[in-house]
């Protein structure tokens, strides 16, 4: 089954947690963080929290991210069963911090066109 790849933008709700875990091929660096976003039309906005995992060298990119930063991630959702519960995490293939001022300027330019 092919994974549906998604682009998601959101704000960090806490600082990034970076740790090293033992993987199949040795130690792997993992960055864990949660993004918050609102989706939908004004007045009907749905709030969503996205638990993100970044593995390997890409995890190093997140070390300077801070609570409140506006972040873009690209990846896919993965569901894991643990102790009778289903957990849904977003596996990140690409991540970067978006300068909110630049993003606001782009939105303003699009409205003026």
PDB file of N, CA and C in Angstrom:
ATOM      1  N   UNK A   1       0.839  -1.187   0.000  1.00  0.00           N
ATOM      2  CA  UNK A   1       0.000   0.000   0.000  1.00  0.00           C
ATOM      3  C   UNK A   1       0.882   1.248   0.000  1.00  0.00           C
ATOM      4  N   UNK A   2       0.623   2.139  -0.920  1.00  0.00           N
ATOM      5  CA  UNK A   2       1.412   3.361  -1.048  1.00  0.00           C
ATOM      6  C   UNK A   2       0.990   4.377   0.006  1.00  0.00           C
ATOM      7  N   UNK A   3       1.990   5.058   0.591  1.00  0.00           N
ATOM      8  CA  UNK A   3       1.715   6.066   1.612  1.00  0.00           C
ATOM      9  C   UNK A   3       1.299   7.372   0.957  1.00  0.00           C
ATOM     10  N   UNK A   4       0.315   8.031   1.553  1.00  0.00           N
ATOM     11  CA  UNK A   4      -0.108   9.345   1.065  1.00  0.00           C
ATOM     12  C   UNK A   4       0.811  10.398   1.678  1.00  0.00           C
ATOM     13  N   UNK A   5       1.581  11.071   0.828  1.00  0.00           N
ATOM     14  CA  UNK A   5       2.514  12.089   1.287  1.00  0.00           C
ATOM     15  C   UNK A   5       1.780  13.423   1.409  1.00  0.00           C
ATOM     16  N   UNK A   6       2.022  14.123   2.523  1.00  0.00           N
ATOM     17  CA  UNK A   6       1.306  15.362   2.818  1.00  0.00           C
ATOM     18  C   UNK A   6       2.266  16.488   3.184  1.00  0.00           C
ATOM     19  N   UNK A   7       1.866  17.719   2.883  1.00  0.00           N
ATOM     20  CA  UNK A   7       2.534  18.934   3.348  1.00  0.00           C
ATOM     21  C   UNK A   7       1.678  19.526   4.457  1.00  0.00           C
ATOM     22  N   UNK A   8       2.292  19.842   5.590  1.00  0.00           N
ATOM     23  CA  UNK A   8       1.554  20.410   6.720  1.00  0.00           C
ATOM     24  C   UNK A   8       2.347  21.584   7.290  1.00  0.00           C
ATOM     25  N   UNK A   9       1.658  22.678   7.582  1.00  0.00           N
ATOM     26  CA  UNK A   9       2.246  23.826   8.273  1.00  0.00           C
ATOM     27  C   UNK A   9       1.545  23.977   9.613  1.00  0.00           C
ATOM     28  N   UNK A  10       2.320  24.286  10.652  1.00  0.00           N
ATOM     29  CA  UNK A  10       1.727  24.499  11.968  1.00  0.00           C
ATOM     30  C   UNK A  10       2.730  25.118  12.919  1.00  0.00           C
ATOM     31  N   UNK A  11       2.244  25.455  14.104  1.00  0.00           N
ATOM     32  CA  UNK A  11       3.092  26.050  15.136  1.00  0.00           C
ATOM     33  C   UNK A  11       3.506  24.996  16.155  1.00  0.00           C
ATOM     34  N   UNK A  12       4.769  25.062  16.584  1.00  0.00           N
ATOM     35  CA  UNK A  12       5.247  24.164  17.635  1.00  0.00           C
ATOM     36  C   UNK A  12       4.561  24.514  18.948  1.00  0.00           C
ATOM     37  N   UNK A  13       4.024  23.506  19.630  1.00  0.00           N
ATOM     38  CA  UNK A  13       3.372  23.793  20.912  1.00  0.00           C
ATOM     39  C   UNK A  13       4.328  23.621  22.090  1.00  0.00           C
ATOM     40  N   UNK A  14       5.507  23.046  21.836  1.00  0.00           N
ATOM     41  CA  UNK A  14       6.530  22.909  22.868  1.00  0.00           C
ATOM     42  C   UNK A  14       7.886  22.781  22.179  1.00  0.00           C
ATOM     43  N   UNK A  15       8.958  22.796  22.954  1.00  0.00           N
ATOM     44  CA  UNK A  15      10.285  22.650  22.365  1.00  0.00           C
ATOM     45  C   UNK A  15      10.463  21.228  21.837  1.00  0.00           C
ATOM     46  N   UNK A  16      11.367  21.075  20.884  1.00  0.00           N
ATOM     47  CA  UNK A  16      11.643  19.775  20.269  1.00  0.00           C
ATOM     48  C   UNK A  16      12.428  18.904  21.247  1.00  0.00           C
ATOM     49  N   UNK A  17      12.050  17.623  21.330  1.00  0.00           N
ATOM     50  CA  UNK A  17      12.771  16.650  22.149  1.00  0.00           C
ATOM     51  C   UNK A  17      13.630  15.813  21.205  1.00  0.00           C
ATOM     52  N   UNK A  18      14.955  15.875  21.388  1.00  0.00           N
ATOM     53  CA  UNK A  18      15.874  15.105  20.547  1.00  0.00           C
ATOM     54  C   UNK A  18      16.544  14.053  21.418  1.00  0.00           C
ATOM     55  N   UNK A  19      16.537  12.807  20.913  1.00  0.00           N
ATOM     56  CA  UNK A  19      17.180  11.726  21.655  1.00  0.00           C
ATOM     57  C   UNK A  19      17.779  10.725  20.675  1.00  0.00           C
ATOM     58  N   UNK A  20      18.603   9.847  21.198  1.00  0.00           N
ATOM     59  CA  UNK A  20      19.208   8.788  20.399  1.00  0.00           C
ATOM     60  C   UNK A  20      18.611   7.465  20.844  1.00  0.00           C
ATOM     61  N   UNK A  21      18.169   6.665  19.859  1.00  0.00           N
ATOM     62  CA  UNK A  21      17.590   5.357  20.162  1.00  0.00           C
ATOM     63  C   UNK A  21      18.380   4.280  19.427  1.00  0.00           C
ATOM     64  N   UNK A  22      18.216   3.044  19.873  1.00  0.00           N
ATOM     65  CA  UNK A  22      18.867   1.918  19.221  1.00  0.00           C
ATOM     66  C   UNK A  22      17.961   1.407  18.111  1.00  0.00           C
ATOM     67  N   UNK A  23      18.419   1.487  16.869  1.00  0.00           N
ATOM     68  CA  UNK A  23      17.665   1.008  15.715  1.00  0.00           C
ATOM     69  C   UNK A  23      18.215  -0.315  15.220  1.00  0.00           C
ATOM     70  N   UNK A  24      17.654  -0.831  14.142  1.00  0.00           N
ATOM     71  CA  UNK A  24      18.116  -2.098  13.554  1.00  0.00           C
ATOM     72  C   UNK A  24      19.577  -2.024  13.131  1.00  0.00           C
ATOM     73  N   UNK A  25      19.971  -0.863  12.607  1.00  0.00           N
ATOM     74  CA  UNK A  25      21.322  -0.686  12.071  1.00  0.00           C
ATOM     75  C   UNK A  25      22.207   0.164  12.978  1.00  0.00           C
ATOM     76  N   UNK A  26      21.934   0.175  14.267  1.00  0.00           N
ATOM     77  CA  UNK A  26      22.728   0.967  15.199  1.00  0.00           C
ATOM     78  C   UNK A  26      21.925   2.124  15.772  1.00  0.00           C
ATOM     79  N   UNK A  27      22.644   3.087  16.347  1.00  0.00           N
ATOM     80  CA  UNK A  27      21.974   4.222  16.976  1.00  0.00           C
ATOM     81  C   UNK A  27      21.410   5.186  15.937  1.00  0.00           C
ATOM     82  N   UNK A  28      20.230   5.737  16.251  1.00  0.00           N
ATOM     83  CA  UNK A  28      19.542   6.676  15.363  1.00  0.00           C
ATOM     84  C   UNK A  28      19.092   7.878  16.190  1.00  0.00           C
ATOM     85  N   UNK A  29      19.301   9.078  15.653  1.00  0.00           N
ATOM     86  CA  UNK A  29      18.816  10.293  16.298  1.00  0.00           C
ATOM     87  C   UNK A  29      17.358  10.506  15.904  1.00  0.00           C
ATOM     88  N   UNK A  30      16.524  10.832  16.900  1.00  0.00           N
ATOM     89  CA  UNK A  30      15.097  11.062  16.662  1.00  0.00           C
ATOM     90  C   UNK A  30      14.705  12.393  17.289  1.00  0.00           C
ATOM     91  N   UNK A  31      13.971  13.201  16.533  1.00  0.00           N
ATOM     92  CA  UNK A  31      13.405  14.445  17.056  1.00  0.00           C
ATOM     93  C   UNK A  31      11.894  14.273  17.119  1.00  0.00           C
ATOM     94  N   UNK A  32      11.314  14.566  18.270  1.00  0.00           N
ATOM     95  CA  UNK A  32       9.867  14.478  18.462  1.00  0.00           C
ATOM     96  C   UNK A  32       9.330  15.860  18.811  1.00  0.00           C
ATOM     97  N   UNK A  33       8.214  16.224  18.171  1.00  0.00           N
ATOM     98  CA  UNK A  33       7.567  17.493  18.480  1.00  0.00           C
ATOM     99  C   UNK A  33       6.116  17.430  18.036  1.00  0.00           C
ATOM    100  N   UNK A  34       5.331  18.393  18.526  1.00  0.00           N
ATOM    101  CA  UNK A  34       3.915  18.459  18.181  1.00  0.00           C
ATOM    102  C   UNK A  34       3.614  19.802  17.539  1.00  0.00           C
ATOM    103  N   UNK A  35       2.908  19.741  16.407  1.00  0.00           N
ATOM    104  CA  UNK A  35       2.456  20.946  15.715  1.00  0.00           C
ATOM    105  C   UNK A  35       0.972  21.153  15.971  1.00  0.00           C
ATOM    106  N   UNK A  36       0.553  22.412  15.968  1.00  0.00           N
ATOM    107  CA  UNK A  36      -0.853  22.781  16.103  1.00  0.00           C
ATOM    108  C   UNK A  36      -1.244  23.587  14.880  1.00  0.00           C
ATOM    109  N   UNK A  37      -2.425  23.264  14.340  1.00  0.00           N
ATOM    110  CA  UNK A  37      -2.938  24.059  13.220  1.00  0.00           C
ATOM    111  C   UNK A  37      -4.450  24.110  13.280  1.00  0.00           C
ATOM    112  N   UNK A  38      -4.993  25.151  12.653  1.00  0.00           N
ATOM    113  CA  UNK A  38      -6.440  25.289  12.494  1.00  0.00           C
ATOM    114  C   UNK A  38      -6.739  25.115  11.018  1.00  0.00           C
ATOM    115  N   UNK A  39      -7.770  24.343  10.725  1.00  0.00           N
ATOM    116  CA  UNK A  39      -8.143  24.095   9.336  1.00  0.00           C
ATOM    117  C   UNK A  39      -9.597  24.469   9.130  1.00  0.00           C
ATOM    118  N   UNK A  40      -9.957  24.784   7.903  1.00  0.00           N
ATOM    119  CA  UNK A  40     -11.346  25.068   7.573  1.00  0.00           C
ATOM    120  C   UNK A  40     -11.610  26.546   7.412  1.00  0.00           C
ATOM    121  N   UNK A  41     -12.870  26.829   7.134  1.00  0.00           N
ATOM    122  CA  UNK A  41     -13.294  28.215   6.932  1.00  0.00           C
ATOM    123  C   UNK A  41     -13.437  28.920   8.269  1.00  0.00           C
ATOM    124  N   UNK A  42     -13.382  30.263   8.230  1.00  0.00           N
ATOM    125  CA  UNK A  42     -13.572  31.048   9.448  1.00  0.00           C
ATOM    126  C   UNK A  42     -14.897  30.674  10.091  1.00  0.00           C
ATOM    127  N   UNK A  43     -14.891  30.544  11.392  1.00  0.00           N
ATOM    128  CA  UNK A  43     -16.108  30.185  12.107  1.00  0.00           C
ATOM    129  C   UNK A  43     -16.327  28.684  12.190  1.00  0.00           C
ATOM    130  N   UNK A  44     -15.686  27.926  11.302  1.00  0.00           N
ATOM    131  CA  UNK A  44     -15.815  26.470  11.295  1.00  0.00           C
ATOM    132  C   UNK A  44     -14.444  25.810  11.412  1.00  0.00           C
ATOM    133  N   UNK A  45     -13.511  26.498  12.022  1.00  0.00           N
ATOM    134  CA  UNK A  45     -12.142  25.992  12.081  1.00  0.00           C
ATOM    135  C   UNK A  45     -12.039  24.776  12.995  1.00  0.00           C
ATOM    136  N   UNK A  46     -11.345  23.773  12.500  1.00  0.00           N
ATOM    137  CA  UNK A  46     -11.081  22.553  13.251  1.00  0.00           C
ATOM    138  C   UNK A  46      -9.647  22.633  13.771  1.00  0.00           C
ATOM    139  N   UNK A  47      -9.450  22.344  15.049  1.00  0.00           N
ATOM    140  CA  UNK A  47      -8.117  22.354  15.633  1.00  0.00           C
ATOM    141  C   UNK A  47      -7.518  20.959  15.504  1.00  0.00           C
ATOM    142  N   UNK A  48      -6.227  20.917  15.178  1.00  0.00           N
ATOM    143  CA  UNK A  48      -5.560  19.630  15.015  1.00  0.00           C
ATOM    144  C   UNK A  48      -4.168  19.689  15.633  1.00  0.00           C
ATOM    145  N   UNK A  49      -3.826  18.642  16.373  1.00  0.00           N
ATOM    146  CA  UNK A  49      -2.492  18.483  16.932  1.00  0.00           C
ATOM    147  C   UNK A  49      -1.826  17.330  16.196  1.00  0.00           C
ATOM    148  N   UNK A  50      -0.605  17.537  15.707  1.00  0.00           N
ATOM    149  CA  UNK A  50       0.089  16.530  14.920  1.00  0.00           C
ATOM    150  C   UNK A  50       1.391  16.163  15.621  1.00  0.00           C
ATOM    151  N   UNK A  51       1.499  14.898  16.063  1.00  0.00           N
ATOM    152  CA  UNK A  51       2.725  14.395  16.675  1.00  0.00           C
ATOM    153  C   UNK A  51       3.690  14.002  15.566  1.00  0.00           C
ATOM    154  N   UNK A  52       4.861  14.647  15.535  1.00  0.00           N
ATOM    155  CA  UNK A  52       5.818  14.449  14.448  1.00  0.00           C
ATOM    156  C   UNK A  52       7.081  13.749  14.945  1.00  0.00           C
ATOM    157  N   UNK A  53       7.635  12.887  14.080  1.00  0.00           N
ATOM    158  CA  UNK A  53       8.897  12.197  14.337  1.00  0.00           C
ATOM    159  C   UNK A  53       9.824  12.412  13.147  1.00  0.00           C
ATOM    160  N   UNK A  54      11.048  12.878  13.432  1.00  0.00           N
ATOM    161  CA  UNK A  54      12.064  13.074  12.399  1.00  0.00           C
ATOM    162  C   UNK A  54      13.248  12.184  12.765  1.00  0.00           C
ATOM    163  N   UNK A  55      13.731  11.388  11.801  1.00  0.00           N
ATOM    164  CA  UNK A  55      14.800  10.426  12.066  1.00  0.00           C
ATOM    165  C   UNK A  55      16.086  10.782  11.335  1.00  0.00           C
ATOM    166  N   UNK A  56      17.215  10.368  11.937  1.00  0.00           N
ATOM    167  CA  UNK A  56      18.517  10.492  11.290  1.00  0.00           C
ATOM    168  C   UNK A  56      19.047  11.911  11.264  1.00  0.00           C
ATOM    169  N   UNK A  57      19.814  12.201  10.215  1.00  0.00           N
ATOM    170  CA  UNK A  57      20.460  13.510  10.092  1.00  0.00           C
ATOM    171  C   UNK A  57      19.457  14.655  10.044  1.00  0.00           C
ATOM    172  N   UNK A  58      18.279  14.406   9.499  1.00  0.00           N
ATOM    173  CA  UNK A  58      17.260  15.465   9.405  1.00  0.00           C
ATOM    174  C   UNK A  58      16.816  15.939  10.789  1.00  0.00           C
ATOM    175  N   UNK A  59      16.949  15.094  11.801  1.00  0.00           N
ATOM    176  CA  UNK A  59      16.574  15.482  13.164  1.00  0.00           C
ATOM    177  C   UNK A  59      17.420  16.657  13.649  1.00  0.00           C
ATOM    178  N   UNK A  60      18.664  16.735  13.179  1.00  0.00           N
ATOM    179  CA  UNK A  60      19.554  17.829  13.578  1.00  0.00           C
ATOM    180  C   UNK A  60      19.018  19.194  13.143  1.00  0.00           C
ATOM    181  N   UNK A  61      18.254  19.229  12.047  1.00  0.00           N
ATOM    182  CA  UNK A  61      17.689  20.487  11.546  1.00  0.00           C
ATOM    183  C   UNK A  61      16.805  21.133  12.606  1.00  0.00           C
ATOM    184  N   UNK A  62      16.166  20.320  13.437  1.00  0.00           N
ATOM    185  CA  UNK A  62      15.172  20.812  14.396  1.00  0.00           C
ATOM    186  C   UNK A  62      15.772  21.323  15.702  1.00  0.00           C
ATOM    187  N   UNK A  63      17.073  21.182  15.890  1.00  0.00           N
ATOM    188  CA  UNK A  63      17.663  21.482  17.203  1.00  0.00           C
ATOM    189  C   UNK A  63      17.487  22.929  17.656  1.00  0.00           C
ATOM    190  N   UNK A  64      17.333  23.852  16.712  1.00  0.00           N
ATOM    191  CA  UNK A  64      17.165  25.265  17.074  1.00  0.00           C
ATOM    192  C   UNK A  64      15.714  25.731  17.027  1.00  0.00           C
ATOM    193  N   UNK A  65      14.777  24.816  16.753  1.00  0.00           N
ATOM    194  CA  UNK A  65      13.358  25.174  16.752  1.00  0.00           C
ATOM    195  C   UNK A  65      12.905  25.435  18.186  1.00  0.00           C
ATOM    196  N   UNK A  66      11.990  26.397  18.344  1.00  0.00           N
ATOM    197  CA  UNK A  66      11.478  26.739  19.670  1.00  0.00           C
ATOM    198  C   UNK A  66       9.963  26.767  19.664  1.00  0.00           C
ATOM    199  N   UNK A  67       9.394  26.655  20.850  1.00  0.00           N
ATOM    200  CA  UNK A  67       7.944  26.735  21.012  1.00  0.00           C
ATOM    201  C   UNK A  67       7.418  27.985  20.306  1.00  0.00           C
ATOM    202  N   UNK A  68       6.345  27.808  19.506  1.00  0.00           N
ATOM    203  CA  UNK A  68       5.734  28.922  18.799  1.00  0.00           C
ATOM    204  C   UNK A  68       6.210  29.097  17.366  1.00  0.00           C
ATOM    205  N   UNK A  69       7.357  28.485  17.011  1.00  0.00           N
ATOM    206  CA  UNK A  69       7.863  28.611  15.638  1.00  0.00           C
ATOM    207  C   UNK A  69       6.857  28.037  14.643  1.00  0.00           C
ATOM    208  N   UNK A  70       6.802  28.641  13.450  1.00  0.00           N
ATOM    209  CA  UNK A  70       5.931  28.177  12.364  1.00  0.00           C
ATOM    210  C   UNK A  70       6.749  27.207  11.512  1.00  0.00           C
ATOM    211  N   UNK A  71       6.309  25.950  11.445  1.00  0.00           N
ATOM    212  CA  UNK A  71       7.090  24.866  10.857  1.00  0.00           C
ATOM    213  C   UNK A  71       6.344  24.237   9.685  1.00  0.00           C
ATOM    214  N   UNK A  72       7.103  23.869   8.647  1.00  0.00           N
ATOM    215  CA  UNK A  72       6.565  23.115   7.504  1.00  0.00           C
ATOM    216  C   UNK A  72       7.142  21.708   7.568  1.00  0.00           C
ATOM    217  N   UNK A  73       6.275  20.693   7.455  1.00  0.00           N
ATOM    218  CA  UNK A  73       6.731  19.307   7.386  1.00  0.00           C
ATOM    219  C   UNK A  73       6.125  18.633   6.160  1.00  0.00           C
ATOM    220  N   UNK A  74       6.860  17.671   5.618  1.00  0.00           N
ATOM    221  CA  UNK A  74       6.403  16.861   4.493  1.00  0.00           C
ATOM    222  C   UNK A  74       6.649  15.411   4.881  1.00  0.00           C
ATOM    223  N   UNK A  75       5.619  14.587   4.767  1.00  0.00           N
ATOM    224  CA  UNK A  75       5.779  13.190   5.141  1.00  0.00           C
ATOM    225  C   UNK A  75       4.460  12.454   5.073  1.00  0.00           C
ATOM    226  N   UNK A  76       4.290  11.476   5.976  1.00  0.00           N
ATOM    227  CA  UNK A  76       3.089  10.637   5.958  1.00  0.00           C
ATOM    228  C   UNK A  76       2.701  10.221   7.376  1.00  0.00           C
ATOM    229  N   UNK A  77       1.432   9.867   7.534  1.00  0.00           N
ATOM    230  CA  UNK A  77       0.939   9.378   8.819  1.00  0.00           C
ATOM    231  C   UNK A  77       1.221   7.887   8.953  1.00  0.00           C
ATOM    232  N   UNK A  78       1.558   7.472  10.174  1.00  0.00           N
ATOM    233  CA  UNK A  78       1.779   6.060  10.481  1.00  0.00           C
ATOM    234  C   UNK A  78       1.042   5.748  11.774  1.00  0.00           C
ATOM    235  N   UNK A  79       0.229   4.688  11.741  1.00  0.00           N
ATOM    236  CA  UNK A  79      -0.492   4.266  12.942  1.00  0.00           C
ATOM    237  C   UNK A  79       0.236   3.094  13.582  1.00  0.00           C
ATOM    238  N   UNK A  80       0.330   3.143  14.923  1.00  0.00           N
ATOM    239  CA  UNK A  80       1.002   2.102  15.687  1.00  0.00           C
ATOM    240  C   UNK A  80       0.059   1.630  16.788  1.00  0.00           C
ATOM    241  N   UNK A  81      -0.051   0.310  16.949  1.00  0.00           N
ATOM    242  CA  UNK A  81      -0.850  -0.274  18.029  1.00  0.00           C
ATOM    243  C   UNK A  81       0.076  -0.541  19.212  1.00  0.00           C
ATOM    244  N   UNK A  82      -0.315  -0.052  20.392  1.00  0.00           N
ATOM    245  CA  UNK A  82       0.497  -0.265  21.583  1.00  0.00           C
ATOM    246  C   UNK A  82      -0.424  -0.367  22.790  1.00  0.00           C
ATOM    247  N   UNK A  83      -0.344  -1.486  23.490  1.00  0.00           N
ATOM    248  CA  UNK A  83      -1.145  -1.717  24.693  1.00  0.00           C
ATOM    249  C   UNK A  83      -2.628  -1.473  24.446  1.00  0.00           C
ATOM    250  N   UNK A  84      -3.119  -1.952  23.306  1.00  0.00           N
ATOM    251  CA  UNK A  84      -4.539  -1.846  22.989  1.00  0.00           C
ATOM    252  C   UNK A  84      -4.993  -0.484  22.491  1.00  0.00           C
ATOM    253  N   UNK A  85      -4.071   0.446  22.335  1.00  0.00           N
ATOM    254  CA  UNK A  85      -4.413   1.780  21.839  1.00  0.00           C
ATOM    255  C   UNK A  85      -3.759   2.002  20.478  1.00  0.00           C
ATOM    256  N   UNK A  86      -4.399   2.854  19.673  1.00  0.00           N
ATOM    257  CA  UNK A  86      -3.849   3.219  18.373  1.00  0.00           C
ATOM    258  C   UNK A  86      -3.267   4.623  18.462  1.00  0.00           C
ATOM    259  N   UNK A  87      -2.008   4.749  18.096  1.00  0.00           N
ATOM    260  CA  UNK A  87      -1.327   6.038  18.087  1.00  0.00           C
ATOM    261  C   UNK A  87      -1.043   6.418  16.639  1.00  0.00           C
ATOM    262  N   UNK A  88      -1.268   7.686  16.310  1.00  0.00           N
ATOM    263  CA  UNK A  88      -1.063   8.173  14.951  1.00  0.00           C
ATOM    264  C   UNK A  88       0.028   9.240  14.975  1.00  0.00           C
ATOM    265  N   UNK A  89       1.147   8.943  14.342  1.00  0.00           N
ATOM    266  CA  UNK A  89       2.272   9.871  14.271  1.00  0.00           C
ATOM    267  C   UNK A  89       2.531  10.265  12.829  1.00  0.00           C
ATOM    268  N   UNK A  90       3.113  11.440  12.656  1.00  0.00           N
ATOM    269  CA  UNK A  90       3.472  11.921  11.327  1.00  0.00           C
ATOM    270  C   UNK A  90       4.970  11.707  11.154  1.00  0.00           C
ATOM    271  N   UNK A  91       5.345  10.857  10.198  1.00  0.00           N
ATOM    272  CA  UNK A  91       6.750  10.570   9.923  1.00  0.00           C
ATOM    273  C   UNK A  91       7.250  11.614   8.926  1.00  0.00           C
ATOM    274  N   UNK A  92       8.202  12.421   9.370  1.00  0.00           N
ATOM    275  CA  UNK A  92       8.666  13.575   8.601  1.00  0.00           C
ATOM    276  C   UNK A  92       9.834  13.187   7.695  1.00  0.00           C
ATOM    277  N   UNK A  93       9.687  13.494   6.413  1.00  0.00           N
ATOM    278  CA  UNK A  93      10.756  13.272   5.435  1.00  0.00           C
ATOM    279  C   UNK A  93      11.509  14.567   5.138  1.00  0.00           C
ATOM    280  N   UNK A  94      10.840  15.702   5.307  1.00  0.00           N
ATOM    281  CA  UNK A  94      11.461  17.015   5.101  1.00  0.00           C
ATOM    282  C   UNK A  94      10.860  17.983   6.117  1.00  0.00           C
ATOM    283  N   UNK A  95      11.707  18.832   6.704  1.00  0.00           N
ATOM    284  CA  UNK A  95      11.230  19.796   7.695  1.00  0.00           C
ATOM    285  C   UNK A  95      12.003  21.100   7.556  1.00  0.00           C
ATOM    286  N   UNK A  96      11.301  22.208   7.745  1.00  0.00           N
ATOM    287  CA  UNK A  96      11.983  23.497   7.810  1.00  0.00           C
ATOM    288  C   UNK A  96      11.121  24.506   8.565  1.00  0.00           C
ATOM    289  N   UNK A  97      11.816  25.505   9.096  1.00  0.00           N
ATOM    290  CA  UNK A  97      11.153  26.591   9.818  1.00  0.00           C
ATOM    291  C   UNK A  97      10.794  27.672   8.812  1.00  0.00           C
ATOM    292  N   UNK A  98       9.573  28.181   8.896  1.00  0.00           N
ATOM    293  CA  UNK A  98       9.111  29.234   8.000  1.00  0.00           C
ATOM    294  C   UNK A  98       9.131  30.550   8.760  1.00  0.00           C
ATOM    295  N   UNK A  99       9.760  31.544   8.155  1.00  0.00           N
ATOM    296  CA  UNK A  99       9.761  32.884   8.736  1.00  0.00           C
ATOM    297  C   UNK A  99       8.348  33.426   8.603  1.00  0.00           C
ATOM    298  N   UNK A 100       7.637  33.561   9.708  1.00  0.00           N
ATOM    299  CA  UNK A 100       6.225  33.964   9.693  1.00  0.00           C
ATOM    300  C   UNK A 100       6.027  35.303   8.998  1.00  0.00           C
ATOM    301  N   UNK A 101       6.961  36.236   9.143  1.00  0.00           N
ATOM    302  CA  UNK A 101       6.825  37.544   8.495  1.00  0.00           C
ATOM    303  C   UNK A 101       6.835  37.392   6.979  1.00  0.00           C
ATOM    304  N   UNK A 102       7.694  36.534   6.453  1.00  0.00           N
ATOM    305  CA  UNK A 102       7.752  36.292   5.008  1.00  0.00           C
ATOM    306  C   UNK A 102       6.450  35.651   4.546  1.00  0.00           C
ATOM    307  N   UNK A 103       5.941  34.687   5.307  1.00  0.00           N
ATOM    308  CA  UNK A 103       4.687  34.007   4.960  1.00  0.00           C
ATOM    309  C   UNK A 103       3.524  34.998   4.951  1.00  0.00           C
ATOM    310  N   UNK A 104       3.476  35.902   5.940  1.00  0.00           N
ATOM    311  CA  UNK A 104       2.417  36.912   5.995  1.00  0.00           C
ATOM    312  C   UNK A 104       2.490  37.850   4.793  1.00  0.00           C
ATOM    313  N   UNK A 105       3.715  38.210   4.371  1.00  0.00           N
ATOM    314  CA  UNK A 105       3.883  39.079   3.206  1.00  0.00           C
ATOM    315  C   UNK A 105       3.361  38.397   1.943  1.00  0.00           C
ATOM    316  N   UNK A 106       3.626  37.091   1.789  1.00  0.00           N
ATOM    317  CA  UNK A 106       3.148  36.346   0.621  1.00  0.00           C
ATOM    318  C   UNK A 106       1.627  36.314   0.591  1.00  0.00           C
ATOM    319  N   UNK A 107       1.007  36.076   1.758  1.00  0.00           N
ATOM    320  CA  UNK A 107      -0.454  36.050   1.829  1.00  0.00           C
ATOM    321  C   UNK A 107      -1.028  37.407   1.447  1.00  0.00           C
ATOM    322  N   UNK A 108      -0.402  38.489   1.916  1.00  0.00           N
ATOM    323  CA  UNK A 108      -0.868  39.837   1.603  1.00  0.00           C
ATOM    324  C   UNK A 108      -0.760  40.108   0.104  1.00  0.00           C
ATOM    325  N   UNK A 109       0.349  39.683  -0.514  1.00  0.00           N
ATOM    326  CA  UNK A 109       0.530  39.868  -1.956  1.00  0.00           C
ATOM    327  C   UNK A 109      -0.545  39.113  -2.733  1.00  0.00           C
ATOM    328  N   UNK A 110      -0.872  37.895  -2.292  1.00  0.00           N
ATOM    329  CA  UNK A 110      -1.891  37.096  -2.973  1.00  0.00           C
ATOM    330  C   UNK A 110      -3.269  37.744  -2.870  1.00  0.00           C
ATOM    331  N   UNK A 111      -3.563  38.388  -1.751  1.00  0.00           N
ATOM    332  CA  UNK A 111      -4.858  39.057  -1.569  1.00  0.00           C
ATOM    333  C   UNK A 111      -4.975  40.282  -2.471  1.00  0.00           C
ATOM    334  N   UNK A 112      -3.840  40.961  -2.701  1.00  0.00           N
ATOM    335  CA  UNK A 112      -3.846  42.179  -3.505  1.00  0.00           C
ATOM    336  C   UNK A 112      -3.998  41.889  -4.994  1.00  0.00           C
ATOM    337  N   UNK A 113      -3.645  40.667  -5.416  1.00  0.00           N
ATOM    338  CA  UNK A 113      -3.709  40.316  -6.849  1.00  0.00           C
ATOM    339  C   UNK A 113      -5.105  40.063  -7.326  1.00  0.00           C
TER     340      UNK A 113
END
